[in-house]
């Protein structure tokens, strides 16, 4: 049984740069670069759906198409994924009311 007091806490005022780097690379600091390509495991944290939906939507055009790298490996262009994500954001400009 885990005791809440056993949880390791990093005190940032006394932490080393190595500890700060480990926190920055944790699951809360994910970033998809605009250049290059990524596999499904790399882009799924940014998407509101799972692996099966990713492949289905890629095949039917609702999500950018994947690129076949080998007979068993596909990847997505990061720029296409980022553009798709931007297109999914609700526009606040159309809801602004001019005074």
C-alpha atoms as a PDB file:
ATOM      1  CA  UNK A   1       0.000   0.000   0.000  1.00  0.00           C
ATOM      2  CA  UNK A   2       1.410   3.384  -0.974  1.00  0.00           C
ATOM      3  CA  UNK A   3       1.601   5.992   1.705  1.00  0.00           C
ATOM      4  CA  UNK A   4       1.067   9.569   0.422  1.00  0.00           C
ATOM      5  CA  UNK A   5       4.064  10.661   2.494  1.00  0.00           C
ATOM      6  CA  UNK A   6       6.282   8.284   0.481  1.00  0.00           C
ATOM      7  CA  UNK A   7       5.774  10.384  -2.652  1.00  0.00           C
ATOM      8  CA  UNK A   8       8.953  12.112  -3.771  1.00  0.00           C
ATOM      9  CA  UNK A   9       8.602  15.886  -4.087  1.00  0.00           C
ATOM     10  CA  UNK A  10      11.108  18.113  -5.855  1.00  0.00           C
ATOM     11  CA  UNK A  11      11.729  21.345  -4.013  1.00  0.00           C
ATOM     12  CA  UNK A  12      12.517  23.766  -6.852  1.00  0.00           C
ATOM     13  CA  UNK A  13      14.336  26.215  -4.616  1.00  0.00           C
ATOM     14  CA  UNK A  14      16.918  23.530  -3.807  1.00  0.00           C
ATOM     15  CA  UNK A  15      16.772  21.400  -6.951  1.00  0.00           C
ATOM     16  CA  UNK A  16      19.584  20.919  -9.400  1.00  0.00           C
ATOM     17  CA  UNK A  17      19.326  21.691 -13.083  1.00  0.00           C
ATOM     18  CA  UNK A  18      19.295  17.931 -13.738  1.00  0.00           C
ATOM     19  CA  UNK A  19      16.166  17.498 -11.605  1.00  0.00           C
ATOM     20  CA  UNK A  20      14.492  20.432 -13.352  1.00  0.00           C
ATOM     21  CA  UNK A  21      15.342  18.897 -16.751  1.00  0.00           C
ATOM     22  CA  UNK A  22      13.750  15.590 -15.680  1.00  0.00           C
ATOM     23  CA  UNK A  23      10.548  17.390 -14.718  1.00  0.00           C
ATOM     24  CA  UNK A  24      10.563  19.343 -17.993  1.00  0.00           C
ATOM     25  CA  UNK A  25      10.810  16.087 -19.944  1.00  0.00           C
ATOM     26  CA  UNK A  26       7.942  14.522 -18.013  1.00  0.00           C
ATOM     27  CA  UNK A  27       4.512  13.807 -19.467  1.00  0.00           C
ATOM     28  CA  UNK A  28       3.418  17.375 -18.712  1.00  0.00           C
ATOM     29  CA  UNK A  29       5.956  18.921 -21.077  1.00  0.00           C
ATOM     30  CA  UNK A  30       5.079  17.341 -24.415  1.00  0.00           C
ATOM     31  CA  UNK A  31       5.852  19.230 -27.608  1.00  0.00           C
ATOM     32  CA  UNK A  32       5.367  18.305 -31.255  1.00  0.00           C
ATOM     33  CA  UNK A  33       7.932  20.045 -33.484  1.00  0.00           C
ATOM     34  CA  UNK A  34       6.539  21.508 -36.721  1.00  0.00           C
ATOM     35  CA  UNK A  35       9.144  19.778 -38.883  1.00  0.00           C
ATOM     36  CA  UNK A  36       9.646  16.061 -39.311  1.00  0.00           C
ATOM     37  CA  UNK A  37       7.386  13.059 -38.914  1.00  0.00           C
ATOM     38  CA  UNK A  38       5.994  11.202 -35.909  1.00  0.00           C
ATOM     39  CA  UNK A  39       4.636   7.756 -35.212  1.00  0.00           C
ATOM     40  CA  UNK A  40       1.212   7.161 -33.661  1.00  0.00           C
ATOM     41  CA  UNK A  41       2.623   6.848 -30.123  1.00  0.00           C
ATOM     42  CA  UNK A  42       4.150  10.322 -30.501  1.00  0.00           C
ATOM     43  CA  UNK A  43       1.031  12.150 -31.709  1.00  0.00           C
ATOM     44  CA  UNK A  44      -1.655  10.343 -29.673  1.00  0.00           C
ATOM     45  CA  UNK A  45      -1.027  12.451 -26.522  1.00  0.00           C
ATOM     46  CA  UNK A  46      -2.103  15.510 -28.535  1.00  0.00           C
ATOM     47  CA  UNK A  47      -5.276  13.943 -29.949  1.00  0.00           C
ATOM     48  CA  UNK A  48      -8.703  13.550 -28.314  1.00  0.00           C
ATOM     49  CA  UNK A  49      -9.047   9.957 -29.569  1.00  0.00           C
ATOM     50  CA  UNK A  50      -7.193   6.656 -29.604  1.00  0.00           C
ATOM     51  CA  UNK A  51      -5.083   4.598 -31.993  1.00  0.00           C
ATOM     52  CA  UNK A  52      -7.970   2.861 -33.758  1.00  0.00           C
ATOM     53  CA  UNK A  53      -9.765   6.131 -34.502  1.00  0.00           C
ATOM     54  CA  UNK A  54      -6.470   7.668 -35.647  1.00  0.00           C
ATOM     55  CA  UNK A  55      -6.019   4.975 -38.295  1.00  0.00           C
ATOM     56  CA  UNK A  56      -9.695   4.977 -39.339  1.00  0.00           C
ATOM     57  CA  UNK A  57      -9.804   8.771 -39.700  1.00  0.00           C
ATOM     58  CA  UNK A  58      -6.488   8.779 -41.596  1.00  0.00           C
ATOM     59  CA  UNK A  59      -7.874   6.255 -44.049  1.00  0.00           C
ATOM     60  CA  UNK A  60     -11.190   8.049 -44.653  1.00  0.00           C
ATOM     61  CA  UNK A  61      -9.834  11.621 -44.833  1.00  0.00           C
ATOM     62  CA  UNK A  62     -11.033  13.072 -41.524  1.00  0.00           C
ATOM     63  CA  UNK A  63      -7.391  13.275 -40.325  1.00  0.00           C
ATOM     64  CA  UNK A  64      -4.202  13.819 -42.364  1.00  0.00           C
ATOM     65  CA  UNK A  65      -3.070  10.745 -44.263  1.00  0.00           C
ATOM     66  CA  UNK A  66      -0.206   8.693 -42.934  1.00  0.00           C
ATOM     67  CA  UNK A  67       2.959   8.023 -44.906  1.00  0.00           C
ATOM     68  CA  UNK A  68       4.031   4.412 -45.272  1.00  0.00           C
ATOM     69  CA  UNK A  69       7.691   4.133 -44.205  1.00  0.00           C
ATOM     70  CA  UNK A  70       7.926   0.361 -44.547  1.00  0.00           C
ATOM     71  CA  UNK A  71       5.489  -2.544 -44.976  1.00  0.00           C
ATOM     72  CA  UNK A  72       4.700  -2.419 -41.258  1.00  0.00           C
ATOM     73  CA  UNK A  73       5.408   1.208 -40.267  1.00  0.00           C
ATOM     74  CA  UNK A  74       3.520   4.465 -40.869  1.00  0.00           C
ATOM     75  CA  UNK A  75       4.092   8.024 -39.680  1.00  0.00           C
ATOM     76  CA  UNK A  76       2.386  11.398 -39.974  1.00  0.00           C
ATOM     77  CA  UNK A  77       3.894  14.712 -41.054  1.00  0.00           C
ATOM     78  CA  UNK A  78       4.047  16.904 -37.951  1.00  0.00           C
ATOM     79  CA  UNK A  79       3.064  20.012 -39.935  1.00  0.00           C
ATOM     80  CA  UNK A  80      -0.108  18.265 -41.153  1.00  0.00           C
ATOM     81  CA  UNK A  81      -1.017  17.136 -37.620  1.00  0.00           C
ATOM     82  CA  UNK A  82      -0.437  20.611 -36.180  1.00  0.00           C
ATOM     83  CA  UNK A  83      -2.515  22.200 -38.963  1.00  0.00           C
ATOM     84  CA  UNK A  84      -5.350  19.740 -38.260  1.00  0.00           C
ATOM     85  CA  UNK A  85      -5.196  20.512 -34.532  1.00  0.00           C
ATOM     86  CA  UNK A  86      -5.324  24.261 -35.241  1.00  0.00           C
ATOM     87  CA  UNK A  87      -8.363  23.763 -37.478  1.00  0.00           C
ATOM     88  CA  UNK A  88     -10.165  21.995 -34.613  1.00  0.00           C
ATOM     89  CA  UNK A  89      -9.794  24.961 -32.238  1.00  0.00           C
ATOM     90  CA  UNK A  90     -12.985  26.985 -31.852  1.00  0.00           C
ATOM     91  CA  UNK A  91     -12.679  30.450 -33.331  1.00  0.00           C
ATOM     92  CA  UNK A  92     -13.121  33.236 -30.772  1.00  0.00           C
ATOM     93  CA  UNK A  93     -12.997  35.966 -33.431  1.00  0.00           C
ATOM     94  CA  UNK A  94     -16.514  35.192 -34.673  1.00  0.00           C
ATOM     95  CA  UNK A  95     -17.980  35.404 -31.163  1.00  0.00           C
ATOM     96  CA  UNK A  96     -16.418  38.765 -30.261  1.00  0.00           C
ATOM     97  CA  UNK A  97     -18.923  41.622 -30.103  1.00  0.00           C
ATOM     98  CA  UNK A  98     -17.723  45.049 -31.145  1.00  0.00           C
ATOM     99  CA  UNK A  99     -18.646  47.826 -28.714  1.00  0.00           C
END
